Amino acid sequence: MAFLGTPPLAKDAKAVKDPGAPGSTSFYIPEVFVHPPAEEDMNEPCISYAPNDMCLGMPNPHQSKPRSALNAILQAFTCLPGLNEELPAASKHPLVADFVTMMRTLHADESNHPHDQPRVAARELVEMRWWIEDARLPRDDDPVGKDLLVDDFDLAVRALLDNVFVKTRFGQRFKIGLVDAPHPDVLKKIPPTPRPPPLGDGAPTAPPGSTQRNDSAVEMPPLTTYETNHLLTISLAHYSDTDTITLVSLLNDRFGHAVATFFFGGAFKNRSLLHNFPSPRSGSHAAPGPPATTPSTTTTAPPPPPPTTTATTATPTSSSPFTCPTPHPDRQIKFSHLPHFLTIHLDRPIVTPTPPKKPIYHNPTVELPTEIDLGFYLDNRHSDQKTFYRLHGFVTQTEGHFLTYSRLRGGHRWFKCDDETVVQVNLGTRVESRGVMLVIYRLQER
């Protein structure tokens, strides 16, 4: 990239202590304009600036559940690294231009701000009424709507991605490519088409324009299809609320792969990281699974009791590999392009417990590894291709109130963001949640 404006270490750059790394020194860099290469997509000039080193609280004066969802989504995305380097300096899209102004204000350097006082964004700065309308959510001060569950969380996430991030250079980091193809085991069962005998002297010849009949021909599976998107949806509707499912198991079911049979790269006899976790799919093909990256217990779980909730929302029926709950048994989905930020929506339908109580989100427990290798799910992987991801943040909820756990711009510290309240927390090597609905993994490029 070419820099225009103040160079990265200009004379007016000042050294400041980095609280994220004791004893280290970072540099506060004035704003600069960055011109990406002209031959690349999204090559409009970007603004680069030094953000502050704190997560900002988001106002929710009416204690609205829908507003808590928007706050959590916004906090998850605005804590990502690179956002302060790849936003357009002068976007032609009004929503993008307003978002850039908002982020520059939120990320403004406040070195002299007391660290013992909570920092909360101004309400008018992050209100984003267009987002409320596009996500079909009630207003914050609606006395009835503020207590309603967000019926379409996927729509709220996509509204921010499609209206803002996708229209920026930073949004290219979320691009996911999927290939939906016949399963390799299905292709093995298709016999090769016999080659017709050569036409020799005296042999009958076929009339011009006609084709010879091949009685041994079989019907070929549908062609391979490719699709790109920025959000991968995985439905949890098929699981019981007493189940515990790992993310690797969800990806296996979602993509039509077999259950993992390897643990840290070594085969276990009659043991598997996911062997004891339920799977809604049947007739899985016997293909090896990916190596797990976090330890787990292998005690045999008792059979789950009958579900105690009844779903009130329909399961997605789209044939898109991004939204279809599970692929056809004869199909298999793989990544054709891995994103820098893998963003996964765990779709929890709204259910009504029995006996009838207030509606809640379907709540099977999901286990999130802090590290995961997605090379097993990649189509045509190159030997030097990076496929290792690290958990960067996730959005969860309790009784419809949303909050975010996130790292801050690639750092090692974890923060819990609950509307106005932001506190530093410690997470272990394994995360389990009965309410997680959005997960963001970051590709490790080193």
Protein backbone atom coordinates (compact mmCIF):
# COMPACT_ATOMS: atom_id res chain seq x y z
CA MET A 1 0.00 0.00 0.00
CA ALA A 2 1.09 3.57 -0.57
CA PHE A 3 0.93 6.08 2.27
CA LEU A 4 -0.19 9.64 1.68
CA GLY A 5 0.05 12.18 4.46
CA THR A 6 1.99 11.88 7.69
CA PRO A 7 4.50 8.99 7.52
CA PRO A 8 4.06 6.09 9.98
CA LEU A 9 6.70 7.43 12.43
CA ALA A 10 6.47 11.16 11.90
CA LYS A 11 8.18 13.79 13.97
CA ASP A 12 4.98 14.47 15.87
CA ALA A 13 4.52 10.80 16.80
CA LYS A 14 4.72 10.38 20.56
CA ALA A 15 5.72 7.31 22.57
CA VAL A 16 3.14 6.02 25.04
CA LYS A 17 3.05 3.04 27.35
CA ASP A 18 0.98 0.10 26.15
CA PRO A 19 -1.08 -1.21 29.10
CA GLY A 20 -1.64 -4.49 27.26
CA ALA A 21 2.07 -5.34 27.39
CA PRO A 22 3.81 -4.28 30.62
CA GLY A 23 7.07 -2.47 30.02
CA SER A 24 6.56 -2.12 26.29
CA THR A 25 6.21 1.11 24.35
CA SER A 26 3.92 1.82 21.42
CA PHE A 27 3.59 4.93 19.29
CA TYR A 28 0.59 7.17 18.88
CA ILE A 29 0.39 7.81 15.14
CA PRO A 30 -1.54 10.74 13.66
CA GLU A 31 -4.18 9.98 11.04
CA VAL A 32 -2.85 9.07 7.60
CA PHE A 33 -4.46 8.26 4.28
CA VAL A 34 -3.64 4.89 2.74
CA HIS A 35 -4.05 4.20 -0.97
CA PRO A 36 -4.50 0.48 -1.73
CA PRO A 37 -3.16 -0.86 -5.05
CA ALA A 38 -5.35 0.31 -7.93
CA GLU A 39 -5.72 -3.22 -9.34
CA GLU A 40 -7.39 -4.53 -6.17
CA ASP A 41 -11.09 -4.47 -5.35
CA MET A 42 -12.19 -1.87 -2.81
CA ASN A 43 -9.23 0.34 -3.67
CA GLU A 44 -10.66 3.64 -2.44
CA PRO A 45 -8.38 5.58 -0.05
CA CYS A 46 -8.58 4.42 3.54
CA ILE A 47 -7.95 6.29 6.74
CA SER A 48 -5.55 4.84 9.29
CA TYR A 49 -5.36 6.05 12.88
CA ALA A 50 -4.30 4.86 16.32
CA PRO A 51 -7.32 3.73 18.39
CA ASN A 52 -7.56 3.85 22.17
CA ASP A 53 -6.78 0.80 24.26
CA MET A 54 -10.19 0.30 25.92
CA CYS A 55 -13.52 -1.27 25.06
CA LEU A 56 -16.30 1.28 25.13
CA GLY A 57 -19.62 0.64 26.88
CA MET A 58 -22.84 1.01 24.89
CA PRO A 59 -25.87 2.85 26.32
CA ASN A 60 -29.13 1.04 26.95
CA PRO A 61 -31.14 3.41 29.20
CA HIS A 62 -34.44 1.56 28.69
CA GLN A 63 -32.92 -1.89 29.38
CA SER A 64 -34.24 -3.03 26.01
CA LYS A 65 -33.45 -6.62 25.00
CA PRO A 66 -33.36 -5.76 21.26
CA ARG A 67 -30.99 -2.86 21.96
CA SER A 68 -28.75 -5.18 23.99
CA ALA A 69 -28.49 -7.39 20.88
CA LEU A 70 -27.41 -4.47 18.70
CA ASN A 71 -24.93 -3.31 21.36
CA ALA A 72 -23.41 -6.78 21.62
CA ILE A 73 -23.06 -7.16 17.85
CA LEU A 74 -21.50 -3.71 17.53
CA GLN A 75 -19.03 -4.38 20.34
CA ALA A 76 -18.01 -7.71 18.81
CA PHE A 77 -17.21 -6.15 15.43
CA THR A 78 -15.65 -2.90 16.64
CA CYS A 79 -13.10 -4.79 18.77
CA LEU A 80 -11.63 -6.50 15.69
CA PRO A 81 -8.08 -5.64 14.61
CA GLY A 82 -7.61 -3.74 11.36
CA LEU A 83 -10.86 -1.81 11.56
CA ASN A 84 -8.92 1.39 12.25
CA GLU A 85 -6.83 0.85 9.08
CA GLU A 86 -9.27 -0.16 6.34
CA LEU A 87 -12.29 2.11 6.56
CA PRO A 88 -12.81 4.48 3.62
CA ALA A 89 -11.69 8.07 4.06
CA ALA A 90 -14.63 9.46 2.05
CA SER A 91 -17.22 6.80 1.22
CA LYS A 92 -19.96 7.55 -1.28
CA HIS A 93 -22.36 5.42 0.79
CA PRO A 94 -24.05 7.56 3.49
CA LEU A 95 -24.38 4.71 6.01
CA VAL A 96 -20.70 3.81 5.61
CA ALA A 97 -19.62 7.45 5.94
CA ASP A 98 -21.68 7.81 9.14
CA PHE A 99 -20.23 4.57 10.50
CA VAL A 100 -16.65 5.76 9.84
CA THR A 101 -17.36 9.01 11.68
CA MET A 102 -18.82 7.03 14.58
CA MET A 103 -15.81 4.70 14.78
CA ARG A 104 -13.29 7.55 14.66
CA THR A 105 -15.13 9.14 17.57
CA LEU A 106 -15.31 5.89 19.55
CA HIS A 107 -11.66 5.10 18.86
CA ALA A 108 -10.43 8.63 19.66
CA ASP A 109 -7.29 8.64 21.76
CA GLU A 110 -7.95 9.56 25.39
CA SER A 111 -4.65 8.89 27.09
CA ASN A 112 -5.57 11.13 30.05
CA HIS A 113 -8.93 9.48 30.76
CA PRO A 114 -9.07 7.92 34.27
CA HIS A 115 -9.01 4.14 33.93
CA ASP A 116 -11.13 3.66 37.04
CA GLN A 117 -14.15 5.34 35.45
CA PRO A 118 -16.40 3.55 32.93
CA ARG A 119 -16.42 4.97 29.44
CA VAL A 120 -19.81 4.86 27.70
CA ALA A 121 -20.53 6.03 24.17
CA ALA A 122 -22.94 8.90 23.68
CA ARG A 123 -26.43 7.62 23.00
CA GLU A 124 -26.99 9.77 19.91
CA LEU A 125 -23.68 8.55 18.46
CA VAL A 126 -24.59 4.83 18.41
CA GLU A 127 -28.37 5.01 18.04
CA MET A 128 -28.24 3.92 14.35
CA ARG A 129 -31.98 4.07 13.65
CA TRP A 130 -31.53 2.63 10.18
CA TRP A 131 -30.17 -0.55 11.80
CA ILE A 132 -33.25 -0.88 14.00
CA GLU A 133 -35.48 -0.55 10.94
CA ASP A 134 -33.51 -2.99 8.76
CA ALA A 135 -33.37 -5.56 11.56
CA ARG A 136 -37.14 -5.10 12.11
CA LEU A 137 -36.71 -4.37 15.81
CA PRO A 138 -38.92 -2.22 18.07
CA ARG A 139 -37.75 1.17 19.30
CA ASP A 140 -35.82 1.27 22.55
CA ASP A 141 -38.59 3.13 24.40
CA ASP A 142 -41.36 0.79 23.24
CA PRO A 143 -42.85 -0.43 26.57
CA VAL A 144 -43.82 -3.79 25.07
CA GLY A 145 -41.12 -4.25 22.46
CA LYS A 146 -38.22 -3.69 24.87
CA ASP A 147 -39.00 -7.02 26.56
CA LEU A 148 -39.41 -9.05 23.36
CA LEU A 149 -36.85 -11.56 22.13
CA VAL A 150 -35.04 -10.78 18.89
CA ASP A 151 -36.91 -13.03 16.46
CA ASP A 152 -34.34 -12.83 13.66
CA PHE A 153 -30.85 -12.37 15.08
CA ASP A 154 -29.37 -13.39 11.73
CA LEU A 155 -31.09 -10.43 10.08
CA ALA A 156 -29.61 -8.02 12.62
CA VAL A 157 -26.06 -9.29 11.96
CA ARG A 158 -26.48 -9.28 8.19
CA ALA A 159 -27.93 -5.75 8.22
CA LEU A 160 -24.68 -4.42 9.69
CA LEU A 161 -22.49 -6.56 7.43
CA ASP A 162 -24.35 -5.84 4.18
CA ASN A 163 -25.04 -2.14 4.72
CA VAL A 164 -21.66 -1.18 6.14
CA PHE A 165 -18.80 -3.67 6.25
CA VAL A 166 -19.27 -5.34 2.86
CA LYS A 167 -19.00 -1.91 1.21
CA THR A 168 -15.54 -1.33 2.70
CA ARG A 169 -12.11 -2.82 2.20
CA PHE A 170 -12.28 -4.14 5.76
CA GLY A 171 -15.41 -6.10 4.85
CA GLN A 172 -13.42 -8.29 2.45
CA ARG A 173 -11.91 -9.96 5.50
CA PHE A 174 -15.27 -11.67 6.16
CA LYS A 175 -15.66 -13.20 2.69
CA ILE A 176 -16.41 -16.92 2.84
CA GLY A 177 -16.35 -19.21 -0.20
CA LEU A 178 -18.20 -22.53 -0.09
CA VAL A 179 -18.32 -25.35 -2.62
CA ASP A 180 -21.25 -27.78 -2.59
CA ALA A 181 -20.27 -30.96 -4.43
CA PRO A 182 -21.17 -34.67 -4.64
CA HIS A 183 -19.73 -36.62 -1.74
CA PRO A 184 -16.48 -38.44 -2.66
CA ASP A 185 -17.98 -41.77 -1.55
CA VAL A 186 -20.87 -41.24 -3.96
CA LEU A 187 -18.51 -40.59 -6.85
CA LYS A 188 -16.65 -43.83 -6.09
CA LYS A 189 -19.87 -45.80 -6.57
CA ILE A 190 -20.46 -44.44 -10.06
CA PRO A 191 -19.02 -46.93 -12.57
CA PRO A 192 -16.98 -45.49 -15.41
CA THR A 193 -18.81 -45.12 -18.68
CA PRO A 194 -17.54 -47.82 -21.07
CA ARG A 195 -15.84 -46.54 -24.17
CA PRO A 196 -17.67 -47.58 -27.41
CA PRO A 197 -15.80 -50.05 -29.64
CA PRO A 198 -13.84 -48.50 -32.52
CA LEU A 199 -15.52 -48.41 -35.91
CA GLY A 200 -13.48 -50.70 -38.14
CA ASP A 201 -13.82 -51.73 -41.76
CA GLY A 202 -17.23 -53.23 -42.43
CA ALA A 203 -18.62 -52.15 -39.03
CA PRO A 204 -21.96 -50.36 -39.03
CA THR A 205 -21.66 -46.64 -38.65
CA ALA A 206 -24.02 -44.40 -36.74
CA PRO A 207 -26.13 -42.01 -38.76
CA PRO A 208 -24.92 -38.41 -38.73
CA GLY A 209 -26.19 -36.43 -35.71
CA SER A 210 -27.24 -39.51 -33.71
CA THR A 211 -25.80 -40.74 -30.40
CA GLN A 212 -25.13 -44.32 -29.41
CA ARG A 213 -27.12 -45.73 -26.52
CA ASN A 214 -25.21 -46.61 -23.36
CA ASP A 215 -27.26 -49.01 -21.22
CA SER A 216 -24.67 -48.95 -18.45
CA ALA A 217 -24.89 -45.19 -17.96
CA VAL A 218 -26.09 -44.02 -14.55
CA GLU A 219 -27.58 -40.73 -13.51
CA MET A 220 -24.84 -38.31 -12.51
CA PRO A 221 -25.23 -36.25 -9.33
CA PRO A 222 -25.94 -32.54 -9.65
CA LEU A 223 -23.08 -30.30 -10.64
CA THR A 224 -20.77 -28.62 -8.17
CA THR A 225 -21.96 -25.19 -7.07
CA TYR A 226 -19.98 -22.30 -5.59
CA GLU A 227 -21.27 -19.51 -3.40
CA THR A 228 -19.78 -16.63 -1.43
CA ASN A 229 -21.15 -14.86 1.61
CA HIS A 230 -19.96 -13.15 4.78
CA LEU A 231 -21.85 -15.07 7.46
CA LEU A 232 -22.18 -18.83 7.99
CA THR A 233 -25.39 -19.98 9.70
CA ILE A 234 -25.60 -23.24 11.66
CA SER A 235 -28.98 -24.26 13.03
CA LEU A 236 -29.30 -25.77 16.53
CA ALA A 237 -32.98 -26.67 16.09
CA HIS A 238 -32.25 -30.40 15.69
CA TYR A 239 -30.53 -30.70 19.06
CA SER A 240 -32.13 -31.22 22.45
CA ASP A 241 -31.75 -28.53 25.09
CA THR A 242 -29.91 -31.13 27.22
CA ASP A 243 -27.26 -31.74 24.55
CA THR A 244 -23.67 -30.52 24.60
CA ILE A 245 -22.19 -30.04 21.13
CA THR A 246 -18.73 -28.91 20.14
CA LEU A 247 -18.25 -26.48 17.30
CA VAL A 248 -16.30 -29.12 15.38
CA SER A 249 -19.29 -31.45 15.62
CA LEU A 250 -21.56 -28.68 14.35
CA LEU A 251 -19.27 -28.08 11.37
CA ASN A 252 -19.18 -31.81 10.62
CA ASP A 253 -22.96 -32.00 10.60
CA ARG A 254 -23.30 -28.75 8.71
CA PHE A 255 -20.87 -29.71 5.97
CA GLY A 256 -21.70 -33.41 5.74
CA HIS A 257 -18.44 -34.76 7.14
CA ALA A 258 -17.95 -37.73 9.44
CA VAL A 259 -17.42 -37.36 13.16
CA ALA A 260 -13.83 -36.64 14.10
CA THR A 261 -11.76 -39.74 14.90
CA PHE A 262 -8.48 -38.06 15.71
CA PHE A 263 -7.30 -36.30 18.86
CA PHE A 264 -4.23 -34.05 18.63
CA GLY A 265 -3.37 -35.80 15.37
CA GLY A 266 -3.20 -39.33 16.86
CA ALA A 267 -5.82 -42.05 16.47
CA PHE A 268 -7.66 -43.18 19.60
CA LYS A 269 -8.99 -46.73 19.70
CA ASN A 270 -12.76 -46.63 20.09
CA ARG A 271 -12.45 -43.08 21.39
CA SER A 272 -13.14 -39.79 19.75
CA LEU A 273 -13.30 -36.21 20.89
CA LEU A 274 -16.86 -36.07 19.58
CA HIS A 275 -17.87 -39.69 19.99
CA ASN A 276 -20.13 -39.00 22.96
CA PHE A 277 -21.82 -35.93 21.57
CA PRO A 278 -25.15 -36.33 19.76
CA SER A 279 -25.48 -35.76 16.05
CA PRO A 280 -28.76 -35.21 14.18
CA ARG A 281 -27.38 -36.62 10.93
CA SER A 282 -27.68 -40.23 9.90
CA GLY A 283 -25.78 -42.23 7.33
CA SER A 284 -22.55 -40.26 7.76
CA HIS A 285 -19.80 -41.25 5.40
CA ALA A 286 -16.74 -42.84 6.96
CA ALA A 287 -14.20 -40.13 6.34
CA PRO A 288 -11.61 -39.03 8.89
CA GLY A 289 -12.34 -35.86 10.81
CA PRO A 290 -10.13 -32.90 11.67
CA PRO A 291 -7.72 -32.97 14.59
CA ALA A 292 -9.10 -31.26 17.66
CA THR A 293 -7.20 -28.43 19.24
CA THR A 294 -8.52 -28.39 22.79
CA PRO A 295 -8.77 -31.23 25.31
CA SER A 296 -12.09 -32.67 26.37
CA THR A 297 -13.38 -35.47 28.55
CA THR A 298 -14.43 -38.77 26.98
CA THR A 299 -16.82 -40.17 29.58
CA THR A 300 -19.89 -41.81 28.14
CA ALA A 301 -22.91 -39.60 28.44
CA PRO A 302 -26.31 -41.15 29.28
CA PRO A 303 -28.99 -41.01 26.59
CA PRO A 304 -30.65 -37.59 26.61
CA PRO A 305 -34.22 -37.36 27.90
CA PRO A 306 -37.03 -36.31 25.58
CA PRO A 307 -36.90 -32.61 24.66
CA THR A 308 -38.68 -30.34 27.10
CA THR A 309 -39.23 -27.51 24.67
CA THR A 310 -41.27 -27.06 21.55
CA ALA A 311 -39.93 -24.97 18.69
CA THR A 312 -42.18 -22.19 17.50
CA THR A 313 -40.12 -21.04 14.54
CA ALA A 314 -39.57 -22.89 11.30
CA THR A 315 -36.25 -24.44 10.38
CA PRO A 316 -34.57 -22.75 7.38
CA THR A 317 -35.37 -24.55 4.14
CA SER A 318 -33.12 -22.68 1.74
CA SER A 319 -30.85 -24.82 -0.42
CA SER A 320 -27.99 -22.34 -0.04
CA PRO A 321 -24.91 -23.91 1.55
CA PHE A 322 -24.80 -20.87 3.86
CA THR A 323 -28.30 -21.30 5.28
CA CYS A 324 -29.36 -24.93 4.67
CA PRO A 325 -29.39 -26.71 8.08
CA THR A 326 -27.69 -29.88 6.78
CA PRO A 327 -26.56 -30.94 3.32
CA HIS A 328 -28.09 -33.79 1.34
CA PRO A 329 -26.64 -37.18 2.40
CA ASP A 330 -25.00 -37.49 -1.03
CA ARG A 331 -23.48 -34.02 -0.89
CA GLN A 332 -20.54 -32.51 0.94
CA ILE A 333 -19.70 -28.86 1.57
CA LYS A 334 -16.17 -27.47 1.84
CA PHE A 335 -14.54 -24.08 2.02
CA SER A 336 -13.28 -22.81 -1.32
CA HIS A 337 -12.03 -19.64 0.36
CA LEU A 338 -11.20 -19.14 4.04
CA PRO A 339 -11.96 -15.69 5.46
CA HIS A 340 -9.69 -13.70 7.72
CA PHE A 341 -12.58 -13.45 10.19
CA LEU A 342 -14.78 -16.54 10.23
CA THR A 343 -18.17 -15.31 11.46
CA ILE A 344 -20.67 -17.99 12.47
CA HIS A 345 -24.28 -17.47 13.49
CA LEU A 346 -25.58 -20.26 15.75
CA ASP A 347 -29.30 -20.12 15.04
CA ARG A 348 -31.32 -20.78 18.20
CA PRO A 349 -35.07 -20.84 17.47
CA ILE A 350 -37.44 -19.30 20.00
CA VAL A 351 -39.15 -22.04 22.00
CA THR A 352 -41.95 -22.24 24.54
CA PRO A 353 -41.10 -24.40 27.59
CA THR A 354 -43.64 -26.89 28.89
CA PRO A 355 -45.61 -26.18 31.01
CA PRO A 356 -46.18 -22.90 29.15
CA LYS A 357 -43.86 -20.15 30.31
CA LYS A 358 -42.30 -17.12 28.69
CA PRO A 359 -40.66 -17.86 25.32
CA ILE A 360 -36.90 -18.41 25.46
CA TYR A 361 -34.16 -19.27 23.00
CA HIS A 362 -33.46 -22.96 22.42
CA ASN A 363 -30.55 -23.62 24.75
CA PRO A 364 -28.37 -26.67 24.00
CA THR A 365 -24.83 -26.13 25.28
CA VAL A 366 -22.20 -25.32 22.65
CA GLU A 367 -18.52 -25.82 23.36
CA LEU A 368 -16.20 -23.37 21.59
CA PRO A 369 -12.54 -24.31 21.20
CA THR A 370 -10.20 -21.39 21.65
CA GLU A 371 -8.17 -22.68 18.69
CA ILE A 372 -9.23 -24.68 15.64
CA ASP A 373 -7.67 -25.85 12.38
CA LEU A 374 -10.07 -25.68 9.41
CA GLY A 375 -7.73 -27.30 6.89
CA PHE A 376 -9.84 -30.47 6.94
CA TYR A 377 -12.80 -28.52 5.53
CA LEU A 378 -10.83 -26.77 2.79
CA ASP A 379 -11.15 -27.69 -0.89
CA ASN A 380 -7.83 -27.91 -2.79
CA ARG A 381 -5.65 -26.87 0.10
CA HIS A 382 -2.15 -25.58 -0.71
CA SER A 383 0.80 -26.81 1.32
CA ASP A 384 1.65 -23.35 2.66
CA GLN A 385 -1.93 -22.17 3.19
CA LYS A 386 -2.84 -20.86 6.64
CA THR A 387 -5.82 -22.65 8.17
CA PHE A 388 -5.33 -22.13 11.92
CA TYR A 389 -7.90 -19.94 13.70
CA ARG A 390 -8.12 -18.47 17.19
CA LEU A 391 -11.30 -17.45 18.98
CA HIS A 392 -11.54 -13.66 18.98
CA GLY A 393 -15.00 -13.05 20.40
CA PHE A 394 -18.56 -14.29 20.77
CA VAL A 395 -22.03 -12.93 21.53
CA THR A 396 -24.20 -14.79 24.02
CA GLN A 397 -27.47 -14.11 25.81
CA THR A 398 -29.34 -14.88 29.02
CA GLU A 399 -33.14 -14.79 28.84
CA GLY A 400 -32.88 -12.61 25.75
CA HIS A 401 -30.40 -10.08 27.15
CA PHE A 402 -27.23 -10.05 25.02
CA LEU A 403 -23.60 -9.47 25.96
CA THR A 404 -20.22 -9.90 24.29
CA TYR A 405 -16.94 -11.51 25.27
CA SER A 406 -14.11 -10.27 23.08
CA ARG A 407 -10.42 -9.67 22.80
CA LEU A 408 -9.40 -6.11 22.00
CA ARG A 409 -7.83 -5.72 18.54
CA GLY A 410 -5.73 -8.86 18.55
CA GLY A 411 -4.56 -8.60 22.15
CA HIS A 412 -4.55 -11.39 24.71
CA ARG A 413 -6.86 -9.76 27.25
CA TRP A 414 -10.56 -10.69 27.29
CA PHE A 415 -13.34 -8.22 28.03
CA LYS A 416 -16.97 -8.79 29.01
CA CYS A 417 -19.17 -6.12 27.43
CA ASP A 418 -22.66 -5.90 28.94
CA ASP A 419 -24.17 -2.68 27.58
CA GLU A 420 -22.61 0.13 29.63
CA THR A 421 -20.50 -2.21 31.76
CA VAL A 422 -17.14 -3.41 30.43
CA VAL A 423 -14.83 -5.47 32.65
CA GLN A 424 -11.71 -7.52 32.01
CA VAL A 425 -12.19 -11.27 32.52
CA ASN A 426 -10.18 -14.48 32.29
CA LEU A 427 -11.29 -17.29 29.99
CA GLY A 428 -9.96 -20.83 30.16
CA THR A 429 -8.93 -23.10 27.30
CA ARG A 430 -12.51 -24.21 26.70
CA VAL A 431 -15.67 -22.13 26.50
CA GLU A 432 -19.15 -23.59 27.04
CA SER A 433 -22.32 -21.57 26.65
CA ARG A 434 -26.06 -22.28 26.56
CA GLY A 435 -26.75 -18.95 24.90
CA VAL A 436 -23.95 -18.24 22.39
CA MET A 437 -25.37 -17.04 19.06
CA LEU A 438 -22.48 -15.36 17.23
CA VAL A 439 -18.86 -16.52 17.07
CA ILE A 440 -15.88 -14.80 15.43
CA TYR A 441 -12.61 -16.64 14.79
CA ARG A 442 -9.51 -14.87 13.51
CA LEU A 443 -7.08 -16.46 11.05
CA GLN A 444 -3.55 -16.74 12.43
CA GLU A 445 -1.25 -15.65 9.63
CA ARG A 446 2.03 -16.22 11.45
